[in-house]
Amino acid sequence: MAHEQPPQVAVLIVGAGKGSRASEETGELPKQFFPIDGKTLFQRTVDAFAAVPQISQIVCVIPQDTDPGLIPTCRLIENGINVLTVNGGASRQLSVLNGLEMLDRMATNWDIVLVHDAARPFVSADTIEAVIAKALTHGGCIAAVPVVDSLKQAESGTSWDEDITCVSGSIRRDGIYQAQTPQGFRFAKLLSAHKQALAEGHSDCSDDSVIYENYAGPVVIAEGDRNNWKITEPEDFATARHLLRAKREAVLVPDIRVGHGYDVHAFEAGSDVMLCGLSVPHDRSLKGHSDADVGLHALTDAVLGALADGDIGSHFPPSDPEWKAAASDRFLAFAISLAGKRGATITHLDVTLVCEAPRIGPYREPMRERIAQITGLSRDRISVKATTSERLGFTGRKEGISAFATATLVFQET
């Protein structure tokens, strides 16, 4: 069975407007290119999407004649994400269409496209991933948050004072949501919907979900984040600086996460066992779909546990013949790479092997060295221990080997 290919996901980050409402703060510079703490809003937004592993292409929609020094770049090259730019149009709708047509000219068959405002730099990875997941399932999805304030209908002018705005009624807020971006859609359907809307004379719609609803299909909601607001007014920049300062102060307390892994394999006929990447002579082997390296399996699960990203079976299912007799160092190397993409540094790995035989002592240091080769960690950050179960249980009866592992990860601000 061929291994299923991941969906192809691209994002359009739209920032082709003038941002004139913020000009009191930004002057003649469009707000999306205004720096906050040394980094423009546009660049912060690009960095937020570049940190999401599912995304493989970013297209920035920018104003014509943008200073090349202001054009965002991808600073997370290890993710393999390409960043391109395209000029915007006379309206946001036409700017999005320009971006969609650029994606359409590429050789890739895009499954999902996200559309996001460049002036929403605090979008979280959780929000982005939730929109991708629901767009894949339902075709169209927007990030949104429930409205929590009372809503009032109003009208200007009264019989005694034309300058006064009065409440004319109340609106129930049940089921009312405030739309955000990103908005995610099946690429082909959104492109077709945009073309159809333009052909029918519509060129100034500011919300892609409206176009999708009218010409492609229903749109569902993914829970948004109240920090994912659009910087619009001059005073919003002070709020943004405050939020960044709070994030910096939070980093002073490191984001340390510890994952736990456990694995067990039974013995079968054979002449050696794979343990922590080494072939150890023994009168039996370990039974498993892969090479049954119980130590590396436990370490892989420990890293995935610290990432809160499933377990070894969810990434490498034993039902898949691709992993038949596979070397387990591939599994651990995958988990290490995934940690790097998530902005995590692995500071320590610890594995304990539980068995009556074979003797682990003579192989402990070579095992540490092998794990160091697989992970890129220095050997002084890797611990390999062994113990018996005092002849109790299946390990005591020499029916198999179990392993416990922990992984310590420190996450950095991206």
Protein backbone atom coordinates (compact mmCIF):
# COMPACT_ATOMS: atom_id res chain seq x y z
CA MET A 1 0.00 0.00 0.00
CA ALA A 2 1.45 3.38 -1.02
CA HIS A 3 2.00 5.84 1.78
CA GLU A 4 -0.68 8.55 1.63
CA GLN A 5 0.68 11.93 0.53
CA PRO A 6 0.03 14.89 2.83
CA PRO A 7 -2.35 17.56 1.50
CA GLN A 8 -0.82 20.45 -0.41
CA VAL A 9 -1.54 23.66 1.52
CA ALA A 10 -0.70 27.22 0.43
CA VAL A 11 -1.45 30.54 2.08
CA LEU A 12 -2.15 33.98 0.63
CA ILE A 13 -1.19 36.75 3.04
CA VAL A 14 -3.01 39.81 1.78
CA GLY A 15 -1.43 43.17 2.47
CA ALA A 16 -1.89 45.30 -0.65
CA GLY A 17 -3.86 48.13 0.95
CA LYS A 18 -2.78 51.55 2.16
CA GLY A 19 -3.87 51.15 5.80
CA SER A 20 -4.83 54.83 5.89
CA ARG A 21 -6.80 54.60 9.14
CA ALA A 22 -3.53 53.92 10.97
CA SER A 23 -1.63 56.77 9.32
CA GLU A 24 -1.56 58.80 12.53
CA GLU A 25 0.82 56.15 13.84
CA THR A 26 2.51 54.97 10.62
CA GLY A 27 2.67 58.15 8.53
CA GLU A 28 2.87 57.47 4.79
CA LEU A 29 4.09 53.89 5.35
CA PRO A 30 1.31 51.29 4.89
CA LYS A 31 0.58 49.76 8.30
CA GLN A 32 1.53 46.24 7.19
CA PHE A 33 5.12 47.43 6.68
CA PHE A 34 5.29 49.36 9.94
CA PRO A 35 7.75 47.81 12.41
CA ILE A 36 6.84 46.81 15.93
CA ASP A 37 9.88 45.95 18.05
CA GLY A 38 12.06 45.70 14.96
CA LYS A 39 9.84 43.47 12.81
CA THR A 40 7.05 44.56 10.44
CA LEU A 41 3.50 43.31 10.84
CA PHE A 42 3.81 41.55 7.47
CA GLN A 43 7.00 39.74 8.50
CA ARG A 44 5.51 38.65 11.83
CA THR A 45 2.54 37.21 9.97
CA VAL A 46 4.76 35.35 7.48
CA ASP A 47 6.79 33.90 10.36
CA ALA A 48 3.60 32.68 12.07
CA PHE A 49 2.56 30.66 9.00
CA ALA A 50 6.09 29.47 8.19
CA ALA A 51 6.15 27.72 11.58
CA VAL A 52 3.18 25.48 10.65
CA PRO A 53 4.45 22.21 9.12
CA GLN A 54 1.40 21.62 6.88
CA ILE A 55 2.08 24.75 4.83
CA SER A 56 4.47 24.48 1.87
CA GLN A 57 3.90 27.75 0.02
CA ILE A 58 3.37 31.37 1.08
CA VAL A 59 2.33 34.08 -1.37
CA CYS A 60 2.43 37.67 -0.11
CA VAL A 61 0.07 40.02 -1.94
CA ILE A 62 1.75 43.43 -1.78
CA PRO A 63 1.19 46.93 -3.16
CA GLN A 64 2.78 47.78 -6.50
CA ASP A 65 6.19 49.49 -6.25
CA THR A 66 6.85 48.16 -2.74
CA ASP A 67 10.36 48.92 -1.50
CA PRO A 68 12.27 45.61 -1.91
CA GLY A 69 13.67 46.05 1.59
CA LEU A 70 10.15 45.77 3.01
CA ILE A 71 9.15 42.55 1.23
CA PRO A 72 8.79 39.71 3.77
CA THR A 73 11.11 36.73 3.57
CA CYS A 74 10.97 33.26 5.08
CA ARG A 75 13.27 33.08 8.08
CA LEU A 76 12.49 29.44 8.83
CA ILE A 77 14.33 27.95 5.88
CA GLU A 78 14.51 24.51 7.50
CA ASN A 79 10.77 24.11 6.91
CA GLY A 80 11.39 24.21 3.17
CA ILE A 81 8.72 26.90 2.68
CA ASN A 82 8.92 29.08 -0.39
CA VAL A 83 7.79 32.73 -0.19
CA LEU A 84 6.68 34.54 -3.33
CA THR A 85 5.08 37.93 -3.93
CA VAL A 86 2.42 39.19 -6.30
CA ASN A 87 1.04 42.68 -6.80
CA GLY A 88 -2.41 43.40 -5.46
CA GLY A 89 -5.38 44.74 -7.39
CA ALA A 90 -7.73 47.66 -7.02
CA SER A 91 -9.70 45.91 -4.26
CA ARG A 92 -9.06 43.17 -1.73
CA GLN A 93 -11.14 40.77 -3.82
CA LEU A 94 -9.00 41.42 -6.90
CA SER A 95 -5.82 41.14 -4.81
CA VAL A 96 -6.87 37.67 -3.62
CA LEU A 97 -7.69 36.66 -7.19
CA ASN A 98 -4.19 37.72 -8.29
CA GLY A 99 -2.74 35.47 -5.61
CA LEU A 100 -4.98 32.56 -6.54
CA GLU A 101 -4.01 32.86 -10.19
CA MET A 102 -0.32 32.85 -9.27
CA LEU A 103 -0.84 29.62 -7.34
CA ASP A 104 -2.80 28.18 -10.26
CA ARG A 105 0.15 28.77 -12.60
CA MET A 106 2.37 26.57 -10.46
CA ALA A 107 2.86 22.88 -11.12
CA THR A 108 1.46 21.91 -7.71
CA ASN A 109 -2.12 20.68 -7.39
CA TRP A 110 -3.12 22.62 -4.29
CA ASP A 111 -5.66 20.99 -2.01
CA ILE A 112 -6.25 23.87 0.40
CA VAL A 113 -5.56 27.59 0.23
CA LEU A 114 -5.68 29.83 3.28
CA VAL A 115 -6.35 33.56 2.96
CA HIS A 116 -5.10 35.75 5.80
CA ASP A 117 -4.79 39.45 6.56
CA ALA A 118 -1.20 40.70 6.81
CA ALA A 119 -2.33 42.94 9.69
CA ARG A 120 -3.22 39.95 11.93
CA PRO A 121 0.31 39.07 13.10
CA PHE A 122 -0.69 37.24 16.29
CA VAL A 123 -2.51 34.32 14.69
CA SER A 124 -1.68 31.09 16.53
CA ALA A 125 -0.55 27.77 15.08
CA ASP A 126 -3.55 26.12 16.74
CA THR A 127 -5.95 28.40 14.85
CA ILE A 128 -4.16 27.84 11.53
CA GLU A 129 -4.14 24.06 11.96
CA ALA A 130 -7.81 24.00 13.00
CA VAL A 131 -8.84 25.90 9.86
CA ILE A 132 -6.77 23.58 7.64
CA ALA A 133 -8.32 20.48 9.21
CA LYS A 134 -11.91 21.69 8.83
CA ALA A 135 -11.34 23.00 5.31
CA LEU A 136 -10.05 19.56 4.29
CA THR A 137 -13.16 17.94 5.74
CA HIS A 138 -15.86 20.45 4.80
CA GLY A 139 -14.44 22.45 1.89
CA GLY A 140 -14.69 25.90 3.47
CA CYS A 141 -13.84 27.14 6.97
CA ILE A 142 -13.22 30.43 8.73
CA ALA A 143 -11.68 31.26 12.08
CA ALA A 144 -14.21 33.09 14.24
CA VAL A 145 -14.97 33.92 17.86
CA PRO A 146 -18.40 34.25 19.51
CA VAL A 147 -19.62 37.79 20.08
CA VAL A 148 -19.70 38.42 23.84
CA ASP A 149 -20.88 42.04 24.00
CA SER A 150 -24.49 43.17 23.75
CA LEU A 151 -25.49 44.22 20.23
CA LYS A 152 -27.65 47.28 19.59
CA GLN A 153 -29.39 48.55 16.50
CA ALA A 154 -28.96 52.31 16.19
CA GLU A 155 -30.10 55.22 14.08
CA SER A 156 -28.86 58.78 13.82
CA GLY A 157 -30.96 61.78 14.59
CA THR A 158 -33.99 62.31 16.81
CA SER A 159 -36.93 64.63 16.73
CA TRP A 160 -35.02 67.02 19.00
CA ASP A 161 -31.34 66.61 17.97
CA GLU A 162 -30.05 65.44 14.59
CA ASP A 163 -26.51 64.87 15.98
CA ILE A 164 -27.49 62.19 18.49
CA THR A 165 -27.34 58.48 17.68
CA CYS A 166 -30.05 56.53 19.49
CA VAL A 167 -30.66 52.87 20.21
CA SER A 168 -33.53 51.63 18.09
CA GLY A 169 -33.45 48.00 19.17
CA SER A 170 -31.42 45.09 20.52
CA ILE A 171 -30.00 42.12 18.61
CA ARG A 172 -29.69 38.69 20.18
CA ARG A 173 -26.06 37.60 20.14
CA ASP A 174 -26.86 33.87 20.30
CA GLY A 175 -25.11 32.22 17.37
CA ILE A 176 -23.40 35.46 16.30
CA TYR A 177 -19.68 35.21 15.54
CA GLN A 178 -16.97 37.71 14.71
CA ALA A 179 -15.16 36.51 11.58
CA GLN A 180 -11.37 36.43 11.49
CA THR A 181 -8.74 35.08 9.16
CA PRO A 182 -7.30 32.69 8.16
CA GLN A 183 -10.13 31.47 6.00
CA GLY A 184 -9.45 28.11 4.37
CA PHE A 185 -11.01 26.62 1.24
CA ARG A 186 -10.63 23.93 -1.37
CA PHE A 187 -8.33 25.70 -3.81
CA ALA A 188 -10.08 24.85 -7.08
CA LYS A 189 -13.49 25.79 -5.69
CA LEU A 190 -12.34 29.15 -4.34
CA LEU A 191 -10.59 30.06 -7.60
CA SER A 192 -13.70 29.15 -9.60
CA ALA A 193 -15.92 31.11 -7.20
CA HIS A 194 -13.74 34.21 -7.51
CA LYS A 195 -13.79 34.04 -11.30
CA GLN A 196 -17.56 33.60 -11.34
CA ALA A 197 -18.10 36.51 -8.95
CA LEU A 198 -15.96 38.78 -11.14
CA ALA A 199 -17.75 37.63 -14.31
CA GLU A 200 -21.06 38.65 -12.70
CA GLY A 201 -19.74 42.13 -11.96
CA HIS A 202 -18.75 41.73 -8.30
CA SER A 203 -15.24 43.05 -7.60
CA ASP A 204 -15.26 44.66 -4.16
CA CYS A 205 -16.14 41.90 -1.70
CA SER A 206 -13.91 42.06 1.38
CA ASP A 207 -14.67 38.54 2.70
CA ASP A 208 -13.71 35.41 0.77
CA SER A 209 -16.16 33.26 2.72
CA VAL A 210 -19.03 35.28 1.26
CA ILE A 211 -17.79 34.54 -2.27
CA TYR A 212 -17.38 30.86 -1.38
CA GLU A 213 -20.85 30.66 0.18
CA ASN A 214 -22.48 32.23 -2.89
CA TYR A 215 -20.67 30.25 -5.56
CA ALA A 216 -19.13 27.09 -4.06
CA GLY A 217 -20.74 25.77 -0.90
CA PRO A 218 -21.25 26.11 2.85
CA VAL A 219 -18.59 27.39 5.23
CA VAL A 220 -18.00 26.07 8.75
CA ILE A 221 -16.39 27.76 11.76
CA ALA A 222 -13.19 26.87 13.58
CA GLU A 223 -12.60 28.40 17.00
CA GLY A 224 -10.45 31.50 16.69
CA ASP A 225 -8.31 33.37 19.19
CA ARG A 226 -9.14 36.78 20.61
CA ASN A 227 -5.49 37.79 20.25
CA ASN A 228 -5.91 37.31 16.50
CA TRP A 229 -7.34 40.76 15.96
CA LYS A 230 -6.71 42.99 12.97
CA ILE A 231 -4.47 45.98 13.65
CA THR A 232 -6.45 48.86 12.18
CA GLU A 233 -6.46 52.01 14.31
CA PRO A 234 -3.43 53.96 15.62
CA GLU A 235 -4.10 52.86 19.21
CA ASP A 236 -3.91 49.19 18.12
CA PHE A 237 -0.13 49.51 17.85
CA ALA A 238 0.18 50.27 21.55
CA THR A 239 -1.88 47.15 22.30
CA ALA A 240 0.37 45.12 19.99
CA ARG A 241 3.51 46.35 21.76
CA HIS A 242 1.99 45.45 25.10
CA LEU A 243 1.20 41.93 23.87
CA LEU A 244 4.74 41.46 22.55
CA ARG A 245 6.19 42.69 25.82
CA ALA A 246 4.03 40.19 27.73
CA LYS A 247 5.22 37.39 25.44
CA ARG A 248 8.86 38.35 25.99
CA GLU A 249 8.39 38.37 29.74
CA ALA A 250 6.73 34.96 29.55
CA VAL A 251 9.80 33.61 27.74
CA LEU A 252 11.85 34.43 30.83
CA VAL A 253 10.15 31.35 32.29
CA PRO A 254 11.22 28.69 29.78
CA ASP A 255 8.54 26.61 28.10
CA ILE A 256 9.83 23.21 29.19
CA ARG A 257 7.86 20.07 28.36
CA VAL A 258 8.62 16.48 29.31
CA GLY A 259 7.29 13.52 27.34
CA HIS A 260 7.05 9.91 28.53
CA GLY A 261 7.35 6.81 26.36
CA TYR A 262 6.82 3.13 27.03
CA ASP A 263 7.19 0.09 24.77
CA VAL A 264 7.35 -3.68 25.07
CA HIS A 265 8.20 -6.49 22.68
CA ALA A 266 8.10 -10.24 23.16
CA PHE A 267 10.91 -12.62 22.27
CA GLU A 268 10.85 -14.96 19.28
CA ALA A 269 13.37 -17.26 17.69
CA GLY A 270 16.54 -15.50 16.59
CA SER A 271 20.16 -14.73 17.38
CA ASP A 272 20.23 -11.06 18.33
CA VAL A 273 18.08 -8.17 19.53
CA MET A 274 18.03 -4.56 18.33
CA LEU A 275 18.33 -2.25 21.33
CA CYS A 276 18.89 1.51 21.14
CA GLY A 277 20.15 1.21 17.59
CA LEU A 278 22.61 -1.64 18.22
CA SER A 279 22.50 -5.32 17.40
CA VAL A 280 23.09 -7.14 20.67
CA PRO A 281 23.91 -10.89 20.50
CA HIS A 282 21.31 -13.05 22.27
CA ASP A 283 19.74 -16.47 21.92
CA ARG A 284 16.46 -14.90 20.78
CA SER A 285 15.21 -11.83 18.89
CA LEU A 286 12.41 -9.36 19.57
CA LYS A 287 9.16 -9.75 17.68
CA GLY A 288 7.66 -6.74 15.91
CA HIS A 289 6.49 -5.23 12.61
CA SER A 290 9.65 -3.12 12.37
CA ASP A 291 12.99 -4.15 13.82
CA ALA A 292 11.30 -4.13 17.28
CA ASP A 293 13.88 -1.85 18.87
CA VAL A 294 12.07 -1.35 22.14
CA GLY A 295 14.48 1.37 23.34
CA LEU A 296 14.19 3.59 20.27
CA HIS A 297 10.41 3.08 20.17
CA ALA A 298 10.10 4.32 23.75
CA LEU A 299 12.33 7.32 23.01
CA THR A 300 10.31 8.17 19.88
CA ASP A 301 7.06 8.11 21.88
CA ALA A 302 8.65 10.28 24.56
CA VAL A 303 9.55 12.99 22.02
CA LEU A 304 6.12 12.80 20.37
CA GLY A 305 4.55 12.99 23.80
CA ALA A 306 6.37 16.22 24.61
CA LEU A 307 5.12 17.57 21.26
CA ALA A 308 1.58 16.38 22.04
CA ASP A 309 1.55 14.81 18.56
CA GLY A 310 0.23 11.28 18.88
CA ASP A 311 2.45 8.24 19.18
CA ILE A 312 4.68 6.11 17.02
CA GLY A 313 1.73 4.03 15.79
CA SER A 314 -0.16 7.07 14.51
CA HIS A 315 2.80 8.17 12.38
CA PHE A 316 4.08 4.71 11.40
CA PRO A 317 1.10 2.33 11.62
CA PRO A 318 2.02 -1.36 11.91
CA SER A 319 -0.67 -2.09 9.32
CA ASP A 320 1.41 -0.28 6.67
CA PRO A 321 3.80 -2.66 4.86
CA GLU A 322 6.18 0.25 4.24
CA TRP A 323 7.40 -0.11 7.82
CA LYS A 324 7.85 -3.89 7.68
CA ALA A 325 11.31 -4.63 9.17
CA ALA A 326 12.09 -0.88 9.10
CA ALA A 327 15.04 0.34 11.13
CA SER A 328 13.71 2.19 14.16
CA ASP A 329 16.32 4.93 13.90
CA ARG A 330 14.06 6.34 11.13
CA PHE A 331 11.24 6.77 13.65
CA LEU A 332 13.39 8.57 16.19
CA ALA A 333 15.00 10.77 13.52
CA PHE A 334 11.50 11.76 12.33
CA ALA A 335 10.44 12.76 15.86
CA ILE A 336 13.64 14.79 16.31
CA SER A 337 13.06 16.60 13.01
CA LEU A 338 9.45 17.31 13.94
CA ALA A 339 10.59 18.84 17.23
CA GLY A 340 12.93 21.17 15.35
CA LYS A 341 10.15 22.31 13.05
CA ARG A 342 8.02 23.12 16.09
CA GLY A 343 10.75 25.35 17.52
CA ALA A 344 11.81 22.90 20.23
CA THR A 345 15.31 22.08 21.45
CA ILE A 346 15.77 18.61 22.91
CA THR A 347 17.90 18.97 26.02
CA HIS A 348 17.86 15.44 27.43
CA LEU A 349 16.85 11.87 26.56
CA ASP A 350 16.65 9.07 29.12
CA VAL A 351 15.77 5.43 28.47
CA THR A 352 15.58 2.50 30.87
CA LEU A 353 15.62 -1.07 29.52
CA VAL A 354 13.93 -3.71 31.68
CA CYS A 355 15.05 -7.30 31.08
CA GLU A 356 16.74 -10.30 32.69
CA ALA A 357 18.83 -10.89 29.58
CA PRO A 358 20.79 -9.97 27.58
CA ARG A 359 23.21 -8.01 29.74
CA ILE A 360 23.08 -4.34 28.83
CA GLY A 361 26.12 -3.09 30.75
CA PRO A 362 28.75 -3.83 28.05
CA TYR A 363 26.65 -2.02 25.44
CA ARG A 364 25.51 1.02 27.43
CA GLU A 365 28.14 3.46 26.13
CA PRO A 366 27.89 2.32 22.49
CA MET A 367 24.10 2.74 22.79
CA ARG A 368 24.53 6.30 24.02
CA GLU A 369 26.86 6.99 21.12
CA ARG A 370 24.40 5.52 18.60
CA ILE A 371 21.50 7.59 19.96
CA ALA A 372 23.73 10.67 19.76
CA GLN A 373 24.37 9.92 16.08
CA ILE A 374 20.65 9.55 15.35
CA THR A 375 19.52 12.65 17.23
CA GLY A 376 22.46 15.05 16.87
CA LEU A 377 22.59 15.49 20.65
CA SER A 378 25.85 15.35 22.57
CA ARG A 379 26.35 12.12 24.48
CA ASP A 380 26.26 13.90 27.85
CA ARG A 381 22.57 14.65 27.18
CA ILE A 382 21.68 10.98 26.66
CA SER A 383 21.16 8.43 29.43
CA VAL A 384 20.81 4.67 28.94
CA LYS A 385 20.07 2.54 31.98
CA ALA A 386 19.08 -1.07 32.55
CA THR A 387 17.39 -2.96 35.32
CA THR A 388 15.67 -6.26 35.97
CA SER A 389 12.19 -6.84 37.35
CA GLU A 390 13.54 -9.17 40.07
CA ARG A 391 12.23 -12.15 38.08
CA LEU A 392 8.66 -10.86 38.35
CA GLY A 393 6.24 -10.53 35.45
CA PHE A 394 6.87 -11.27 31.78
CA THR A 395 10.32 -9.67 31.82
CA GLY A 396 11.21 -11.71 34.90
CA ARG A 397 10.13 -14.84 33.05
CA LYS A 398 12.37 -13.79 30.15
CA GLU A 399 9.41 -13.50 27.78
CA GLY A 400 10.39 -10.11 26.44
CA ILE A 401 11.86 -6.66 27.08
CA SER A 402 10.19 -3.40 28.07
CA ALA A 403 11.52 0.15 28.01
CA PHE A 404 10.63 3.43 29.68
CA ALA A 405 11.84 6.76 28.30
CA THR A 406 11.56 10.49 28.92
CA ALA A 407 12.38 13.40 26.62
CA THR A 408 12.88 16.97 27.81
CA LEU A 409 12.16 19.71 25.27
CA VAL A 410 12.53 23.48 25.54
CA PHE A 411 10.34 25.50 23.19
CA GLN A 412 11.52 28.83 21.84
CA GLU A 413 9.46 31.83 20.77
CA THR A 414 9.16 31.96 16.98
